[in-house]
Amino acid sequence: MNYKVIENLLGDIYQFGFDNIIIIAIFWIIIMFFFLRQLSKRDNEFYLKDFFKKNK
């Protein structure tokens, strides 16, 4: 099979990332901020849950 199209596509993406490393770094920080904020919110809700509370 000929994987030249996929190879060129991944090469272009890789080259774009290295040419615009500042933009990629800022984008990465924004994504990590969003995901870590969502994760910390869920973790805090789990931590604050009272497992030993008696149900009435």
PDB file of N, CA and C in Angstrom:
ATOM      1  N   MET A   1       0.839  -1.192   0.000  1.00  0.00           N
ATOM      2  CA  MET A   1       0.000   0.000   0.000  1.00  0.00           C
ATOM      3  C   MET A   1       0.880   1.250   0.000  1.00  0.00           C
ATOM      4  N   ASN A   2       0.348   2.290  -0.565  1.00  0.00           N
ATOM      5  CA  ASN A   2       1.087   3.533  -0.655  1.00  0.00           C
ATOM      6  C   ASN A   2       0.572   4.503   0.421  1.00  0.00           C
ATOM      7  N   TYR A   3       1.438   4.845   1.355  1.00  0.00           N
ATOM      8  CA  TYR A   3       1.064   5.736   2.446  1.00  0.00           C
ATOM      9  C   TYR A   3       1.650   7.127   2.257  1.00  0.00           C
ATOM     10  N   LYS A   4       1.932   7.513   1.031  1.00  0.00           N
ATOM     11  CA  LYS A   4       2.568   8.792   0.757  1.00  0.00           C
ATOM     12  C   LYS A   4       1.665   9.970   1.143  1.00  0.00           C
ATOM     13  N   VAL A   5       0.365   9.836   0.967  1.00  0.00           N
ATOM     14  CA  VAL A   5      -0.564  10.928   1.314  1.00  0.00           C
ATOM     15  C   VAL A   5      -0.546  11.166   2.814  1.00  0.00           C
ATOM     16  N   ILE A   6      -0.640  10.091   3.600  1.00  0.00           N
ATOM     17  CA  ILE A   6      -0.626  10.214   5.053  1.00  0.00           C
ATOM     18  C   ILE A   6       0.731  10.732   5.525  1.00  0.00           C
ATOM     19  N   GLU A   7       1.788  10.243   4.907  1.00  0.00           N
ATOM     20  CA  GLU A   7       3.134  10.692   5.272  1.00  0.00           C
ATOM     21  C   GLU A   7       3.291  12.189   5.015  1.00  0.00           C
ATOM     22  N   ASN A   8       2.803  12.662   3.883  1.00  0.00           N
ATOM     23  CA  ASN A   8       2.878  14.095   3.573  1.00  0.00           C
ATOM     24  C   ASN A   8       2.015  14.923   4.512  1.00  0.00           C
ATOM     25  N   LEU A   9       0.827  14.425   4.845  1.00  0.00           N
ATOM     26  CA  LEU A   9      -0.064  15.144   5.754  1.00  0.00           C
ATOM     27  C   LEU A   9       0.564  15.273   7.135  1.00  0.00           C
ATOM     28  N   LEU A  10       1.076  14.186   7.675  1.00  0.00           N
ATOM     29  CA  LEU A  10       1.715  14.240   8.990  1.00  0.00           C
ATOM     30  C   LEU A  10       2.986  15.081   8.956  1.00  0.00           C
ATOM     31  N   GLY A  11       3.725  15.018   7.863  1.00  0.00           N
ATOM     32  CA  GLY A  11       4.908  15.859   7.716  1.00  0.00           C
ATOM     33  C   GLY A  11       4.556  17.332   7.697  1.00  0.00           C
ATOM     34  N   ASP A  12       3.464  17.686   7.019  1.00  0.00           N
ATOM     35  CA  ASP A  12       3.018  19.083   6.980  1.00  0.00           C
ATOM     36  C   ASP A  12       2.580  19.559   8.364  1.00  0.00           C
ATOM     37  N   ILE A  13       1.859  18.716   9.090  1.00  0.00           N
ATOM     38  CA  ILE A  13       1.421  19.077  10.449  1.00  0.00           C
ATOM     39  C   ILE A  13       2.633  19.256  11.358  1.00  0.00           C
ATOM     40  N   TYR A  14       3.582  18.344  11.258  1.00  0.00           N
ATOM     41  CA  TYR A  14       4.799  18.404  12.054  1.00  0.00           C
ATOM     42  C   TYR A  14       5.597  19.669  11.729  1.00  0.00           C
ATOM     43  N   GLN A  15       5.714  19.989  10.459  1.00  0.00           N
ATOM     44  CA  GLN A  15       6.445  21.182  10.045  1.00  0.00           C
ATOM     45  C   GLN A  15       5.727  22.453  10.493  1.00  0.00           C
ATOM     46  N   PHE A  16       4.407  22.473  10.412  1.00  0.00           N
ATOM     47  CA  PHE A  16       3.636  23.625  10.884  1.00  0.00           C
ATOM     48  C   PHE A  16       3.856  23.845  12.374  1.00  0.00           C
ATOM     49  N   GLY A  17       3.887  22.746  13.141  1.00  0.00           N
ATOM     50  CA  GLY A  17       4.113  22.851  14.580  1.00  0.00           C
ATOM     51  C   GLY A  17       5.469  23.445  14.901  1.00  0.00           C
ATOM     52  N   PHE A  18       6.497  23.046  14.164  1.00  0.00           N
ATOM     53  CA  PHE A  18       7.821  23.592  14.426  1.00  0.00           C
ATOM     54  C   PHE A  18       7.976  25.016  13.904  1.00  0.00           C
ATOM     55  N   ASP A  19       7.277  25.360  12.853  1.00  0.00           N
ATOM     56  CA  ASP A  19       7.359  26.730  12.334  1.00  0.00           C
ATOM     57  C   ASP A  19       6.629  27.712  13.242  1.00  0.00           C
ATOM     58  N   ASN A  20       5.568  27.271  13.878  1.00  0.00           N
ATOM     59  CA  ASN A  20       4.737  28.137  14.716  1.00  0.00           C
ATOM     60  C   ASN A  20       4.707  27.623  16.151  1.00  0.00           C
ATOM     61  N   ILE A  21       5.876  27.432  16.733  1.00  0.00           N
ATOM     62  CA  ILE A  21       5.950  26.798  18.050  1.00  0.00           C
ATOM     63  C   ILE A  21       5.338  27.684  19.144  1.00  0.00           C
ATOM     64  N   ILE A  22       5.371  28.989  18.992  1.00  0.00           N
ATOM     65  CA  ILE A  22       4.786  29.893  19.987  1.00  0.00           C
ATOM     66  C   ILE A  22       3.262  29.738  19.992  1.00  0.00           C
ATOM     67  N   ILE A  23       2.662  29.706  18.819  1.00  0.00           N
ATOM     68  CA  ILE A  23       1.206  29.544  18.713  1.00  0.00           C
ATOM     69  C   ILE A  23       0.788  28.189  19.279  1.00  0.00           C
ATOM     70  N   ILE A  24       1.539  27.153  18.961  1.00  0.00           N
ATOM     71  CA  ILE A  24       1.230  25.820  19.465  1.00  0.00           C
ATOM     72  C   ILE A  24       1.360  25.777  20.978  1.00  0.00           C
ATOM     73  N   ALA A  25       2.383  26.438  21.536  1.00  0.00           N
ATOM     74  CA  ALA A  25       2.584  26.456  22.986  1.00  0.00           C
ATOM     75  C   ALA A  25       1.431  27.168  23.684  1.00  0.00           C
ATOM     76  N   ILE A  26       0.994  28.297  23.153  1.00  0.00           N
ATOM     77  CA  ILE A  26      -0.131  29.031  23.741  1.00  0.00           C
ATOM     78  C   ILE A  26      -1.406  28.199  23.654  1.00  0.00           C
ATOM     79  N   PHE A  27      -1.628  27.581  22.510  1.00  0.00           N
ATOM     80  CA  PHE A  27      -2.797  26.722  22.327  1.00  0.00           C
ATOM     81  C   PHE A  27      -2.771  25.552  23.308  1.00  0.00           C
ATOM     82  N   TRP A  28      -1.593  24.958  23.512  1.00  0.00           N
ATOM     83  CA  TRP A  28      -1.436  23.837  24.451  1.00  0.00           C
ATOM     84  C   TRP A  28      -1.747  24.273  25.884  1.00  0.00           C
ATOM     85  N   ILE A  29      -1.284  25.446  26.281  1.00  0.00           N
ATOM     86  CA  ILE A  29      -1.547  25.955  27.633  1.00  0.00           C
ATOM     87  C   ILE A  29      -3.035  26.193  27.832  1.00  0.00           C
ATOM     88  N   ILE A  30      -3.706  26.737  26.827  1.00  0.00           N
ATOM     89  CA  ILE A  30      -5.150  26.979  26.926  1.00  0.00           C
ATOM     90  C   ILE A  30      -5.901  25.662  27.063  1.00  0.00           C
ATOM     91  N   ILE A  31      -5.549  24.663  26.265  1.00  0.00           N
ATOM     92  CA  ILE A  31      -6.216  23.358  26.342  1.00  0.00           C
ATOM     93  C   ILE A  31      -5.981  22.701  27.699  1.00  0.00           C
ATOM     94  N   MET A  32      -4.737  22.724  28.178  1.00  0.00           N
ATOM     95  CA  MET A  32      -4.431  22.115  29.475  1.00  0.00           C
ATOM     96  C   MET A  32      -5.140  22.850  30.608  1.00  0.00           C
ATOM     97  N   PHE A  33      -5.232  24.182  30.526  1.00  0.00           N
ATOM     98  CA  PHE A  33      -5.948  24.949  31.544  1.00  0.00           C
ATOM     99  C   PHE A  33      -7.409  24.514  31.598  1.00  0.00           C
ATOM    100  N   PHE A  34      -8.036  24.366  30.430  1.00  0.00           N
ATOM    101  CA  PHE A  34      -9.436  23.973  30.378  1.00  0.00           C
ATOM    102  C   PHE A  34      -9.640  22.569  30.951  1.00  0.00           C
ATOM    103  N   PHE A  35      -8.822  21.600  30.488  1.00  0.00           N
ATOM    104  CA  PHE A  35      -8.994  20.226  30.953  1.00  0.00           C
ATOM    105  C   PHE A  35      -8.657  20.067  32.429  1.00  0.00           C
ATOM    106  N   LEU A  36      -7.620  20.710  32.905  1.00  0.00           N
ATOM    107  CA  LEU A  36      -7.255  20.592  34.319  1.00  0.00           C
ATOM    108  C   LEU A  36      -8.284  21.270  35.215  1.00  0.00           C
ATOM    109  N   ARG A  37      -8.891  22.351  34.730  1.00  0.00           N
ATOM    110  CA  ARG A  37      -9.948  22.996  35.509  1.00  0.00           C
ATOM    111  C   ARG A  37     -11.173  22.088  35.632  1.00  0.00           C
ATOM    112  N   GLN A  38     -11.554  21.432  34.537  1.00  0.00           N
ATOM    113  CA  GLN A  38     -12.671  20.495  34.578  1.00  0.00           C
ATOM    114  C   GLN A  38     -12.361  19.317  35.501  1.00  0.00           C
ATOM    115  N   LEU A  39     -11.147  18.797  35.415  1.00  0.00           N
ATOM    116  CA  LEU A  39     -10.758  17.677  36.249  1.00  0.00           C
ATOM    117  C   LEU A  39     -10.727  18.067  37.716  1.00  0.00           C
ATOM    118  N   SER A  40     -10.209  19.239  38.032  1.00  0.00           N
ATOM    119  CA  SER A  40     -10.147  19.655  39.431  1.00  0.00           C
ATOM    120  C   SER A  40     -11.547  19.901  39.996  1.00  0.00           C
ATOM    121  N   LYS A  41     -12.464  20.375  39.161  1.00  0.00           N
ATOM    122  CA  LYS A  41     -13.835  20.581  39.616  1.00  0.00           C
ATOM    123  C   LYS A  41     -14.481  19.245  39.979  1.00  0.00           C
ATOM    124  N   ARG A  42     -14.299  18.229  39.138  1.00  0.00           N
ATOM    125  CA  ARG A  42     -14.849  16.909  39.428  1.00  0.00           C
ATOM    126  C   ARG A  42     -14.176  16.289  40.641  1.00  0.00           C
ATOM    127  N   ASP A  43     -12.869  16.476  40.758  1.00  0.00           N
ATOM    128  CA  ASP A  43     -12.139  15.915  41.882  1.00  0.00           C
ATOM    129  C   ASP A  43     -12.583  16.574  43.183  1.00  0.00           C
ATOM    130  N   ASN A  44     -12.823  17.879  43.158  1.00  0.00           N
ATOM    131  CA  ASN A  44     -13.276  18.581  44.351  1.00  0.00           C
ATOM    132  C   ASN A  44     -14.673  18.119  44.756  1.00  0.00           C
ATOM    133  N   GLU A  45     -15.563  17.916  43.785  1.00  0.00           N
ATOM    134  CA  GLU A  45     -16.901  17.420  44.098  1.00  0.00           C
ATOM    135  C   GLU A  45     -16.824  16.019  44.697  1.00  0.00           C
ATOM    136  N   PHE A  46     -15.937  15.193  44.183  1.00  0.00           N
ATOM    137  CA  PHE A  46     -15.755  13.848  44.722  1.00  0.00           C
ATOM    138  C   PHE A  46     -15.186  13.909  46.135  1.00  0.00           C
ATOM    139  N   TYR A  47     -14.241  14.812  46.369  1.00  0.00           N
ATOM    140  CA  TYR A  47     -13.620  14.944  47.685  1.00  0.00           C
ATOM    141  C   TYR A  47     -14.618  15.453  48.720  1.00  0.00           C
ATOM    142  N   LEU A  48     -15.511  16.340  48.320  1.00  0.00           N
ATOM    143  CA  LEU A  48     -16.463  16.925  49.248  1.00  0.00           C
ATOM    144  C   LEU A  48     -17.670  16.017  49.507  1.00  0.00           C
ATOM    145  N   LYS A  49     -17.810  14.944  48.720  1.00  0.00           N
ATOM    146  CA  LYS A  49     -18.927  14.037  48.911  1.00  0.00           C
ATOM    147  C   LYS A  49     -18.746  13.288  50.231  1.00  0.00           C
ATOM    148  N   ASP A  50     -19.788  13.231  51.018  1.00  0.00           N
ATOM    149  CA  ASP A  50     -19.731  12.566  52.314  1.00  0.00           C
ATOM    150  C   ASP A  50     -20.224  11.129  52.123  1.00  0.00           C
ATOM    151  N   PHE A  51     -19.293  10.198  52.135  1.00  0.00           N
ATOM    152  CA  PHE A  51     -19.646   8.797  51.910  1.00  0.00           C
ATOM    153  C   PHE A  51     -20.292   8.157  53.129  1.00  0.00           C
ATOM    154  N   PHE A  52     -20.068   8.726  54.284  1.00  0.00           N
ATOM    155  CA  PHE A  52     -20.574   8.117  55.517  1.00  0.00           C
ATOM    156  C   PHE A  52     -21.849   8.793  56.015  1.00  0.00           C
ATOM    157  N   LYS A  53     -22.451   9.633  55.180  1.00  0.00           N
ATOM    158  CA  LYS A  53     -23.692  10.299  55.549  1.00  0.00           C
ATOM    159  C   LYS A  53     -24.826   9.290  55.514  1.00  0.00           C
ATOM    160  N   LYS A  54     -25.645   9.304  56.545  1.00  0.00           N
ATOM    161  CA  LYS A  54     -26.780   8.380  56.601  1.00  0.00           C
ATOM    162  C   LYS A  54     -27.943   8.952  55.786  1.00  0.00           C
ATOM    163  N   ASN A  55     -28.519   8.124  54.962  1.00  0.00           N
ATOM    164  CA  ASN A  55     -29.682   8.538  54.176  1.00  0.00           C
ATOM    165  C   ASN A  55     -30.935   8.409  55.015  1.00  0.00           C
ATOM    166  N   LYS A  56     -31.772   9.420  54.973  1.00  0.00           N
ATOM    167  CA  LYS A  56     -33.011   9.408  55.764  1.00  0.00           C
ATOM    168  C   LYS A  56     -34.163   8.940  54.919  1.00  0.00           C
TER     169      LYS A  56
END
